[in-house]
Amino acid sequence: MSTAAEQPHGGSVPQPAATAEDLRATLARIAPEAVPTFDAERATAITRAREQVSSAPVRRFLRQWALYVAIERHPDTAARLRRLEDRAAHITDRDEARAIASEIGRILDKAAAEAGVADGGAR
């Protein structure tokens, strides 16, 4: 199975509306390996929303996945983010850690703007 970084779509796949159906359909095109996780997290969000009698869990779920899709739509950016996250997990130099955190923040901010998520959603 190919990863999103290997797929030829580049940034040509438009950002979908932040609805579960639209996000899932786009995921199936750009990151099919993520669909089972999406489905499981969607079910959990719906269960929590019912238990809490609140739409907040579903709103968080949709923001999180809209941000994920916004990143995965750009395979080079998605690959760069994964490399930065991997490096951050092993870093000991404080200045390098700050630079990595700053670059990750810029990637997330850009994706949040594309997804229409004002606060970066999952951060």
Protein backbone atom coordinates (compact mmCIF):
# COMPACT_ATOMS: atom_id res chain seq x y z
CA MET A 1 0.00 0.00 0.00
CA SER A 2 1.36 3.41 -0.87
CA THR A 3 1.63 6.29 1.53
CA ALA A 4 0.35 9.77 0.93
CA ALA A 5 3.91 10.92 0.25
CA GLU A 6 4.18 8.45 -2.64
CA GLN A 7 0.92 9.40 -4.31
CA PRO A 8 1.03 11.70 -7.32
CA HIS A 9 -1.75 14.10 -6.31
CA GLY A 10 0.55 16.83 -5.03
CA GLY A 11 -1.62 19.68 -3.84
CA SER A 12 -4.15 19.08 -6.62
CA VAL A 13 -6.76 17.52 -4.33
CA PRO A 14 -8.91 20.37 -3.00
CA GLN A 15 -9.45 20.80 0.71
CA PRO A 16 -12.83 19.22 1.46
CA ALA A 17 -15.54 20.71 3.62
CA ALA A 18 -15.05 19.79 7.27
CA THR A 19 -17.79 17.18 7.28
CA ALA A 20 -17.15 13.57 8.18
CA GLU A 21 -18.31 12.35 4.78
CA ASP A 22 -16.19 14.80 2.76
CA LEU A 23 -13.09 14.29 4.90
CA ARG A 24 -13.43 10.49 4.69
CA ALA A 25 -13.85 10.59 0.91
CA THR A 26 -10.72 12.71 0.54
CA LEU A 27 -8.78 10.47 2.92
CA ALA A 28 -9.73 7.47 0.81
CA ARG A 29 -8.02 9.19 -2.13
CA ILE A 30 -4.91 10.65 -0.50
CA ALA A 31 -4.25 8.50 2.58
CA PRO A 32 -6.31 5.31 2.45
CA GLU A 33 -4.27 3.78 5.25
CA ALA A 34 -5.74 6.43 7.59
CA VAL A 35 -9.40 5.57 6.90
CA PRO A 36 -9.69 2.83 9.59
CA THR A 37 -8.30 5.24 12.21
CA PHE A 38 -10.68 7.95 10.99
CA ASP A 39 -13.63 5.56 11.29
CA ALA A 40 -12.64 4.43 14.78
CA GLU A 41 -12.08 7.98 16.01
CA ARG A 42 -15.37 9.09 14.47
CA ALA A 43 -17.24 6.36 16.35
CA THR A 44 -15.50 7.36 19.59
CA ALA A 45 -16.34 11.04 19.03
CA ILE A 46 -19.99 10.22 18.41
CA THR A 47 -20.15 8.05 21.54
CA ARG A 48 -18.56 10.79 23.65
CA ALA A 49 -20.89 13.39 22.18
CA ARG A 50 -23.89 11.28 23.18
CA GLU A 51 -22.52 10.61 26.66
CA GLN A 52 -21.70 14.29 27.23
CA VAL A 53 -24.80 15.57 25.44
CA SER A 54 -22.44 17.91 23.64
CA SER A 55 -21.25 18.38 20.08
CA ALA A 56 -17.75 19.33 21.28
CA PRO A 57 -16.21 15.85 20.77
CA VAL A 58 -17.46 15.75 17.17
CA ARG A 59 -16.27 19.31 16.50
CA ARG A 60 -12.79 18.42 17.85
CA PHE A 61 -12.74 15.28 15.71
CA LEU A 62 -13.67 17.22 12.57
CA ARG A 63 -11.06 19.95 13.24
CA GLN A 64 -8.36 17.38 13.88
CA TRP A 65 -9.07 15.49 10.66
CA ALA A 66 -9.53 18.63 8.57
CA LEU A 67 -6.04 19.64 9.68
CA TYR A 68 -4.67 16.16 8.91
CA VAL A 69 -6.19 16.24 5.42
CA ALA A 70 -4.84 19.75 4.81
CA ILE A 71 -1.34 18.45 5.56
CA GLU A 72 -1.65 15.16 3.67
CA ARG A 73 -2.89 16.97 0.54
CA HIS A 74 0.73 18.15 0.17
CA PRO A 75 2.93 15.03 0.23
CA ASP A 76 6.23 16.94 0.51
CA THR A 77 4.94 18.92 3.47
CA ALA A 78 3.52 15.79 5.11
CA ALA A 79 6.84 14.00 4.72
CA ARG A 80 8.72 17.01 6.10
CA LEU A 81 6.41 17.14 9.12
CA ARG A 82 7.00 13.44 9.83
CA ARG A 83 10.78 13.95 9.61
CA LEU A 84 10.60 16.92 11.96
CA GLU A 85 8.45 15.03 14.46
CA ASP A 86 10.84 12.09 14.35
CA ARG A 87 13.83 14.37 14.88
CA ALA A 88 12.06 16.20 17.71
CA ALA A 89 11.60 12.90 19.55
CA HIS A 90 15.38 12.41 19.68
CA ILE A 91 16.71 15.95 20.04
CA THR A 92 18.83 17.11 22.94
CA ASP A 93 19.95 20.52 21.70
CA ARG A 94 17.58 23.26 22.91
CA ASP A 95 18.20 25.60 19.97
CA GLU A 96 17.54 22.86 17.44
CA ALA A 97 14.41 21.87 19.36
CA ARG A 98 13.15 25.47 19.14
CA ALA A 99 13.86 25.60 15.41
CA ILE A 100 12.03 22.32 14.86
CA ALA A 101 9.08 23.45 16.97
CA SER A 102 8.93 26.69 15.03
CA GLU A 103 8.90 24.92 11.66
CA ILE A 104 6.26 22.46 12.85
CA GLY A 105 4.19 25.42 14.02
CA ARG A 106 4.44 27.08 10.60
CA ILE A 107 3.33 23.87 8.88
CA LEU A 108 0.38 23.49 11.24
CA ASP A 109 -0.60 27.16 10.92
CA LYS A 110 -0.61 26.95 7.13
CA ALA A 111 -2.64 23.72 7.21
CA ALA A 112 -5.05 25.27 9.72
CA ALA A 113 -5.61 28.21 7.39
CA GLU A 114 -6.28 25.85 4.47
CA ALA A 115 -8.65 23.78 6.58
CA GLY A 116 -10.43 26.82 7.96
CA VAL A 117 -9.42 25.90 11.49
CA ALA A 118 -8.67 29.16 13.27
CA ASP A 119 -6.64 27.85 16.19
CA GLY A 120 -4.75 24.99 14.54
CA GLY A 121 -7.25 22.46 15.86
CA ALA A 122 -5.25 19.57 17.25
CA ARG A 123 -2.48 21.60 18.81
